Amino acid sequence: MADKANSYPENAPGKYYVDNQCIDCDLCRETAPDNFKRNDDGGYSHVYKQPDSPEEETRCKEAKEGCPVEAIGDDGA
């Protein structure tokens, strides 16, 4: 389960975040490309834009549910 205390600093402020459990599998970037990007230097994904439409919210939720290491968190904000 993702831990907000271990989330990456480049996550956009808001509901979704990625923490340091990320294994750079690319699933979130494929599922929600408008919201997740890769940190090339660190080799992990982060939320670069919080969802601002129902479609983006659905894709972010799918990415969270599909994350193999549960590195995507949702603080419910």
PDB file of N, CA and C in Angstrom:
ATOM      1  N   MET A   1       0.836  -1.178   0.000  1.00  0.00           N
ATOM      2  CA  MET A   1       0.000   0.000   0.000  1.00  0.00           C
ATOM      3  C   MET A   1       0.885   1.247   0.000  1.00  0.00           C
ATOM      4  N   ALA A   2       0.566   2.187  -0.860  1.00  0.00           N
ATOM      5  CA  ALA A   2       1.360   3.404  -0.991  1.00  0.00           C
ATOM      6  C   ALA A   2       1.318   4.224   0.300  1.00  0.00           C
ATOM      7  N   ASP A   3       2.418   4.895   0.551  1.00  0.00           N
ATOM      8  CA  ASP A   3       2.561   5.704   1.764  1.00  0.00           C
ATOM      9  C   ASP A   3       2.890   7.138   1.366  1.00  0.00           C
ATOM     10  N   LYS A   4       1.996   8.056   1.702  1.00  0.00           N
ATOM     11  CA  LYS A   4       2.181   9.469   1.344  1.00  0.00           C
ATOM     12  C   LYS A   4       3.510  10.009   1.871  1.00  0.00           C
ATOM     13  N   ALA A   5       3.957   9.521   3.024  1.00  0.00           N
ATOM     14  CA  ALA A   5       5.217   9.988   3.610  1.00  0.00           C
ATOM     15  C   ALA A   5       6.410   9.630   2.728  1.00  0.00           C
ATOM     16  N   ASN A   6       6.267   8.610   1.889  1.00  0.00           N
ATOM     17  CA  ASN A   6       7.352   8.183   1.005  1.00  0.00           C
ATOM     18  C   ASN A   6       7.098   8.568  -0.452  1.00  0.00           C
ATOM     19  N   SER A   7       6.182   9.511  -0.692  1.00  0.00           N
ATOM     20  CA  SER A   7       5.862   9.889  -2.064  1.00  0.00           C
ATOM     21  C   SER A   7       6.965  10.762  -2.660  1.00  0.00           C
ATOM     22  N   TYR A   8       7.093  10.692  -3.966  1.00  0.00           N
ATOM     23  CA  TYR A   8       8.115  11.471  -4.661  1.00  0.00           C
ATOM     24  C   TYR A   8       7.749  12.948  -4.665  1.00  0.00           C
ATOM     25  N   PRO A   9       8.742  13.818  -4.492  1.00  0.00           N
ATOM     26  CA  PRO A   9       8.471  15.258  -4.392  1.00  0.00           C
ATOM     27  C   PRO A   9       7.908  15.874  -5.668  1.00  0.00           C
ATOM     28  N   GLU A  10       8.151  15.263  -6.827  1.00  0.00           N
ATOM     29  CA  GLU A  10       7.632  15.862  -8.060  1.00  0.00           C
ATOM     30  C   GLU A  10       6.188  15.501  -8.366  1.00  0.00           C
ATOM     31  N   ASN A  11       5.545  14.715  -7.513  1.00  0.00           N
ATOM     32  CA  ASN A  11       4.114  14.472  -7.687  1.00  0.00           C
ATOM     33  C   ASN A  11       3.377  15.801  -7.632  1.00  0.00           C
ATOM     34  N   ALA A  12       2.442  15.982  -8.563  1.00  0.00           N
ATOM     35  CA  ALA A  12       1.609  17.183  -8.532  1.00  0.00           C
ATOM     36  C   ALA A  12       0.752  17.150  -7.268  1.00  0.00           C
ATOM     37  N   PRO A  13       0.583  18.276  -6.604  1.00  0.00           N
ATOM     38  CA  PRO A  13      -0.248  18.294  -5.400  1.00  0.00           C
ATOM     39  C   PRO A  13      -1.671  17.824  -5.700  1.00  0.00           C
ATOM     40  N   GLY A  14      -2.222  17.035  -4.810  1.00  0.00           N
ATOM     41  CA  GLY A  14      -3.587  16.560  -4.991  1.00  0.00           C
ATOM     42  C   GLY A  14      -3.776  15.139  -4.516  1.00  0.00           C
ATOM     43  N   LYS A  15      -4.850  14.563  -4.973  1.00  0.00           N
ATOM     44  CA  LYS A  15      -5.336  13.270  -4.509  1.00  0.00           C
ATOM     45  C   LYS A  15      -4.377  12.109  -4.773  1.00  0.00           C
ATOM     46  N   TYR A  16      -3.857  11.990  -5.982  1.00  0.00           N
ATOM     47  CA  TYR A  16      -3.025  10.847  -6.361  1.00  0.00           C
ATOM     48  C   TYR A  16      -1.544  11.161  -6.188  1.00  0.00           C
ATOM     49  N   TYR A  17      -0.774  10.122  -5.873  1.00  0.00           N
ATOM     50  CA  TYR A  17       0.677  10.250  -5.747  1.00  0.00           C
ATOM     51  C   TYR A  17       1.320   8.894  -5.993  1.00  0.00           C
ATOM     52  N   VAL A  18       2.613   8.907  -6.262  1.00  0.00           N
ATOM     53  CA  VAL A  18       3.402   7.678  -6.417  1.00  0.00           C
ATOM     54  C   VAL A  18       4.480   7.714  -5.345  1.00  0.00           C
ATOM     55  N   ASP A  19       4.687   6.584  -4.675  1.00  0.00           N
ATOM     56  CA  ASP A  19       5.720   6.554  -3.640  1.00  0.00           C
ATOM     57  C   ASP A  19       6.934   5.752  -4.099  1.00  0.00           C
ATOM     58  N   ASN A  20       7.905   5.606  -3.209  1.00  0.00           N
ATOM     59  CA  ASN A  20       9.196   5.024  -3.560  1.00  0.00           C
ATOM     60  C   ASN A  20       9.174   3.507  -3.777  1.00  0.00           C
ATOM     61  N   GLN A  21       8.001   2.888  -3.775  1.00  0.00           N
ATOM     62  CA  GLN A  21       7.897   1.471  -4.114  1.00  0.00           C
ATOM     63  C   GLN A  21       7.857   1.244  -5.628  1.00  0.00           C
ATOM     64  N   CYS A  22       7.721   2.326  -6.409  1.00  0.00           N
ATOM     65  CA  CYS A  22       7.577   2.222  -7.862  1.00  0.00           C
ATOM     66  C   CYS A  22       8.747   1.453  -8.481  1.00  0.00           C
ATOM     67  N   ILE A  23       8.408   0.496  -9.366  1.00  0.00           N
ATOM     68  CA  ILE A  23       9.433  -0.301 -10.041  1.00  0.00           C
ATOM     69  C   ILE A  23       9.554   0.073 -11.519  1.00  0.00           C
ATOM     70  N   ASP A  24       8.949   1.175 -11.916  1.00  0.00           N
ATOM     71  CA  ASP A  24       9.070   1.688 -13.287  1.00  0.00           C
ATOM     72  C   ASP A  24       8.553   0.697 -14.321  1.00  0.00           C
ATOM     73  N   CYS A  25       7.404   0.086 -14.031  1.00  0.00           N
ATOM     74  CA  CYS A  25       6.859  -0.928 -14.938  1.00  0.00           C
ATOM     75  C   CYS A  25       6.126  -0.328 -16.131  1.00  0.00           C
ATOM     76  N   ASP A  26       5.784   0.948 -16.072  1.00  0.00           N
ATOM     77  CA  ASP A  26       5.134   1.673 -17.168  1.00  0.00           C
ATOM     78  C   ASP A  26       3.618   1.499 -17.221  1.00  0.00           C
ATOM     79  N   LEU A  27       3.035   0.678 -16.349  1.00  0.00           N
ATOM     80  CA  LEU A  27       1.595   0.439 -16.413  1.00  0.00           C
ATOM     81  C   LEU A  27       0.800   1.733 -16.234  1.00  0.00           C
ATOM     82  N   CYS A  28       1.161   2.550 -15.264  1.00  0.00           N
ATOM     83  CA  CYS A  28       0.390   3.777 -15.022  1.00  0.00           C
ATOM     84  C   CYS A  28       0.520   4.750 -16.186  1.00  0.00           C
ATOM     85  N   ARG A  29       1.703   4.819 -16.779  1.00  0.00           N
ATOM     86  CA  ARG A  29       1.911   5.732 -17.904  1.00  0.00           C
ATOM     87  C   ARG A  29       1.146   5.278 -19.133  1.00  0.00           C
ATOM     88  N   GLU A  30       0.973   3.960 -19.288  1.00  0.00           N
ATOM     89  CA  GLU A  30       0.172   3.441 -20.393  1.00  0.00           C
ATOM     90  C   GLU A  30      -1.323   3.613 -20.128  1.00  0.00           C
ATOM     91  N   THR A  31      -1.725   3.429 -18.874  1.00  0.00           N
ATOM     92  CA  THR A  31      -3.139   3.503 -18.509  1.00  0.00           C
ATOM     93  C   THR A  31      -3.641   4.948 -18.461  1.00  0.00           C
ATOM     94  N   ALA A  32      -2.842   5.834 -17.901  1.00  0.00           N
ATOM     95  CA  ALA A  32      -3.245   7.241 -17.738  1.00  0.00           C
ATOM     96  C   ALA A  32      -2.109   8.162 -18.199  1.00  0.00           C
ATOM     97  N   PRO A  33      -1.830   8.174 -19.499  1.00  0.00           N
ATOM     98  CA  PRO A  33      -0.694   8.948 -20.011  1.00  0.00           C
ATOM     99  C   PRO A  33      -0.816  10.463 -19.817  1.00  0.00           C
ATOM    100  N   ASP A  34      -2.025  10.949 -19.623  1.00  0.00           N
ATOM    101  CA  ASP A  34      -2.211  12.386 -19.393  1.00  0.00           C
ATOM    102  C   ASP A  34      -1.866  12.788 -17.967  1.00  0.00           C
ATOM    103  N   ASN A  35      -1.656  11.812 -17.091  1.00  0.00           N
ATOM    104  CA  ASN A  35      -1.466  12.110 -15.675  1.00  0.00           C
ATOM    105  C   ASN A  35      -0.154  11.616 -15.076  1.00  0.00           C
ATOM    106  N   PHE A  36       0.432  10.594 -15.671  1.00  0.00           N
ATOM    107  CA  PHE A  36       1.680  10.029 -15.136  1.00  0.00           C
ATOM    108  C   PHE A  36       2.814  10.221 -16.128  1.00  0.00           C
ATOM    109  N   LYS A  37       3.982  10.549 -15.596  1.00  0.00           N
ATOM    110  CA  LYS A  37       5.192  10.656 -16.418  1.00  0.00           C
ATOM    111  C   LYS A  37       6.317   9.925 -15.718  1.00  0.00           C
ATOM    112  N   ARG A  38       7.390   9.692 -16.469  1.00  0.00           N
ATOM    113  CA  ARG A  38       8.563   8.993 -15.949  1.00  0.00           C
ATOM    114  C   ARG A  38       9.639   9.995 -15.552  1.00  0.00           C
ATOM    115  N   ASN A  39      10.256   9.758 -14.425  1.00  0.00           N
ATOM    116  CA  ASN A  39      11.452  10.488 -14.043  1.00  0.00           C
ATOM    117  C   ASN A  39      12.607   9.676 -14.625  1.00  0.00           C
ATOM    118  N   ASP A  40      13.199  10.164 -15.700  1.00  0.00           N
ATOM    119  CA  ASP A  40      14.233   9.414 -16.398  1.00  0.00           C
ATOM    120  C   ASP A  40      15.487   9.234 -15.552  1.00  0.00           C
ATOM    121  N   ASP A  41      15.817  10.214 -14.742  1.00  0.00           N
ATOM    122  CA  ASP A  41      17.019  10.109 -13.910  1.00  0.00           C
ATOM    123  C   ASP A  41      16.846   9.081 -12.800  1.00  0.00           C
ATOM    124  N   GLY A  42      15.654   9.059 -12.195  1.00  0.00           N
ATOM    125  CA  GLY A  42      15.416   8.160 -11.071  1.00  0.00           C
ATOM    126  C   GLY A  42      14.838   6.811 -11.455  1.00  0.00           C
ATOM    127  N   GLY A  43      14.273   6.712 -12.675  1.00  0.00           N
ATOM    128  CA  GLY A  43      13.693   5.453 -13.114  1.00  0.00           C
ATOM    129  C   GLY A  43      12.415   5.099 -12.376  1.00  0.00           C
ATOM    130  N   TYR A  44      11.500   6.051 -12.270  1.00  0.00           N
ATOM    131  CA  TYR A  44      10.213   5.805 -11.625  1.00  0.00           C
ATOM    132  C   TYR A  44       9.170   6.747 -12.218  1.00  0.00           C
ATOM    133  N   SER A  45       7.922   6.438 -11.962  1.00  0.00           N
ATOM    134  CA  SER A  45       6.819   7.277 -12.419  1.00  0.00           C
ATOM    135  C   SER A  45       6.394   8.234 -11.311  1.00  0.00           C
ATOM    136  N   HIS A  46       5.734   9.306 -11.721  1.00  0.00           N
ATOM    137  CA  HIS A  46       5.142  10.243 -10.760  1.00  0.00           C
ATOM    138  C   HIS A  46       3.907  10.869 -11.407  1.00  0.00           C
ATOM    139  N   VAL A  47       3.059  11.426 -10.575  1.00  0.00           N
ATOM    140  CA  VAL A  47       1.868  12.124 -11.063  1.00  0.00           C
ATOM    141  C   VAL A  47       2.303  13.528 -11.452  1.00  0.00           C
ATOM    142  N   TYR A  48       2.198  13.849 -12.735  1.00  0.00           N
ATOM    143  CA  TYR A  48       2.580  15.198 -13.142  1.00  0.00           C
ATOM    144  C   TYR A  48       1.368  16.099 -13.325  1.00  0.00           C
ATOM    145  N   LYS A  49       0.168  15.495 -13.393  1.00  0.00           N
ATOM    146  CA  LYS A  49      -1.063  16.279 -13.475  1.00  0.00           C
ATOM    147  C   LYS A  49      -2.177  15.475 -12.826  1.00  0.00           C
ATOM    148  N   GLN A  50      -2.840  16.093 -11.872  1.00  0.00           N
ATOM    149  CA  GLN A  50      -3.989  15.445 -11.237  1.00  0.00           C
ATOM    150  C   GLN A  50      -5.140  15.396 -12.243  1.00  0.00           C
ATOM    151  N   PRO A  51      -6.009  14.397 -12.135  1.00  0.00           N
ATOM    152  CA  PRO A  51      -7.123  14.292 -13.082  1.00  0.00           C
ATOM    153  C   PRO A  51      -8.065  15.485 -12.965  1.00  0.00           C
ATOM    154  N   ASP A  52      -8.508  15.987 -14.128  1.00  0.00           N
ATOM    155  CA  ASP A  52      -9.443  17.112 -14.116  1.00  0.00           C
ATOM    156  C   ASP A  52     -10.682  16.836 -14.968  1.00  0.00           C
ATOM    157  N   SER A  53     -10.922  15.549 -15.212  1.00  0.00           N
ATOM    158  CA  SER A  53     -12.146  15.151 -15.916  1.00  0.00           C
ATOM    159  C   SER A  53     -12.532  13.768 -15.407  1.00  0.00           C
ATOM    160  N   PRO A  54     -13.786  13.396 -15.590  1.00  0.00           N
ATOM    161  CA  PRO A  54     -14.207  12.052 -15.161  1.00  0.00           C
ATOM    162  C   PRO A  54     -13.404  10.945 -15.851  1.00  0.00           C
ATOM    163  N   GLU A  55     -13.042  11.148 -17.118  1.00  0.00           N
ATOM    164  CA  GLU A  55     -12.276  10.143 -17.850  1.00  0.00           C
ATOM    165  C   GLU A  55     -10.885   9.982 -17.246  1.00  0.00           C
ATOM    166  N   GLU A  56     -10.226  11.106 -16.939  1.00  0.00           N
ATOM    167  CA  GLU A  56      -8.899  11.032 -16.328  1.00  0.00           C
ATOM    168  C   GLU A  56      -8.978  10.414 -14.936  1.00  0.00           C
ATOM    169  N   GLU A  57     -10.016  10.731 -14.187  1.00  0.00           N
ATOM    170  CA  GLU A  57     -10.198  10.142 -12.857  1.00  0.00           C
ATOM    171  C   GLU A  57     -10.317   8.618 -12.972  1.00  0.00           C
ATOM    172  N   THR A  58     -11.096   8.159 -13.942  1.00  0.00           N
ATOM    173  CA  THR A  58     -11.267   6.725 -14.157  1.00  0.00           C
ATOM    174  C   THR A  58      -9.948   6.065 -14.501  1.00  0.00           C
ATOM    175  N   ARG A  59      -9.171   6.685 -15.387  1.00  0.00           N
ATOM    176  CA  ARG A  59      -7.883   6.104 -15.785  1.00  0.00           C
ATOM    177  C   ARG A  59      -6.895   6.093 -14.622  1.00  0.00           C
ATOM    178  N   CYS A  60      -6.882   7.143 -13.804  1.00  0.00           N
ATOM    179  CA  CYS A  60      -5.983   7.164 -12.641  1.00  0.00           C
ATOM    180  C   CYS A  60      -6.375   6.077 -11.642  1.00  0.00           C
ATOM    181  N   LYS A  61      -7.660   5.894 -11.459  1.00  0.00           N
ATOM    182  CA  LYS A  61      -8.123   4.846 -10.559  1.00  0.00           C
ATOM    183  C   LYS A  61      -7.725   3.476 -11.091  1.00  0.00           C
ATOM    184  N   GLU A  62      -7.860   3.269 -12.400  1.00  0.00           N
ATOM    185  CA  GLU A  62      -7.445   2.002 -13.013  1.00  0.00           C
ATOM    186  C   GLU A  62      -5.946   1.783 -12.830  1.00  0.00           C
ATOM    187  N   ALA A  63      -5.158   2.843 -13.001  1.00  0.00           N
ATOM    188  CA  ALA A  63      -3.706   2.731 -12.825  1.00  0.00           C
ATOM    189  C   ALA A  63      -3.381   2.351 -11.384  1.00  0.00           C
ATOM    190  N   LYS A  64      -4.057   2.976 -10.439  1.00  0.00           N
ATOM    191  CA  LYS A  64      -3.831   2.669  -9.023  1.00  0.00           C
ATOM    192  C   LYS A  64      -4.165   1.207  -8.736  1.00  0.00           C
ATOM    193  N   GLU A  65      -5.317   0.765  -9.217  1.00  0.00           N
ATOM    194  CA  GLU A  65      -5.754  -0.608  -8.956  1.00  0.00           C
ATOM    195  C   GLU A  65      -4.875  -1.634  -9.656  1.00  0.00           C
ATOM    196  N   GLY A  66      -4.275  -1.265 -10.787  1.00  0.00           N
ATOM    197  CA  GLY A  66      -3.461  -2.199 -11.541  1.00  0.00           C
ATOM    198  C   GLY A  66      -1.989  -2.206 -11.162  1.00  0.00           C
ATOM    199  N   CYS A  67      -1.562  -1.250 -10.363  1.00  0.00           N
ATOM    200  CA  CYS A  67      -0.141  -1.153 -10.003  1.00  0.00           C
ATOM    201  C   CYS A  67       0.311  -2.437  -9.299  1.00  0.00           C
ATOM    202  N   PRO A  68       1.326  -3.126  -9.852  1.00  0.00           N
ATOM    203  CA  PRO A  68       1.719  -4.419  -9.290  1.00  0.00           C
ATOM    204  C   PRO A  68       2.373  -4.336  -7.907  1.00  0.00           C
ATOM    205  N   VAL A  69       2.874  -3.175  -7.544  1.00  0.00           N
ATOM    206  CA  VAL A  69       3.523  -3.044  -6.232  1.00  0.00           C
ATOM    207  C   VAL A  69       2.784  -2.058  -5.319  1.00  0.00           C
ATOM    208  N   GLU A  70       1.588  -1.637  -5.734  1.00  0.00           N
ATOM    209  CA  GLU A  70       0.758  -0.700  -4.952  1.00  0.00           C
ATOM    210  C   GLU A  70       1.505   0.577  -4.592  1.00  0.00           C
ATOM    211  N   ALA A  71       2.231   1.132  -5.578  1.00  0.00           N
ATOM    212  CA  ALA A  71       2.997   2.355  -5.358  1.00  0.00           C
ATOM    213  C   ALA A  71       2.177   3.614  -5.602  1.00  0.00           C
ATOM    214  N   ILE A  72       0.977   3.474  -6.122  1.00  0.00           N
ATOM    215  CA  ILE A  72       0.127   4.633  -6.374  1.00  0.00           C
ATOM    216  C   ILE A  72      -0.853   4.782  -5.231  1.00  0.00           C
ATOM    217  N   GLY A  73      -0.871   5.970  -4.664  1.00  0.00           N
ATOM    218  CA  GLY A  73      -1.766   6.236  -3.547  1.00  0.00           C
ATOM    219  C   GLY A  73      -2.856   7.212  -3.921  1.00  0.00           C
ATOM    220  N   ASP A  74      -3.892   7.208  -3.135  1.00  0.00           N
ATOM    221  CA  ASP A  74      -5.043   8.093  -3.305  1.00  0.00           C
ATOM    222  C   ASP A  74      -5.419   8.532  -1.891  1.00  0.00           C
ATOM    223  N   ASP A  75      -5.112   9.786  -1.573  1.00  0.00           N
ATOM    224  CA  ASP A  75      -5.385  10.242  -0.193  1.00  0.00           C
ATOM    225  C   ASP A  75      -6.824  10.718  -0.020  1.00  0.00           C
ATOM    226  N   GLY A  76      -7.629  10.556  -1.067  1.00  0.00           N
ATOM    227  CA  GLY A  76      -9.046  10.872  -0.955  1.00  0.00           C
ATOM    228  C   GLY A  76      -9.375  12.342  -0.944  1.00  0.00           C
ATOM    229  N   ALA A  77      -8.374  13.208  -1.107  1.00  0.00           N
ATOM    230  CA  ALA A  77      -8.610  14.653  -1.051  1.00  0.00           C
ATOM    231  C   ALA A  77      -9.418  15.120  -2.240  1.00  0.00           C
TER     232      ALA A  77
END
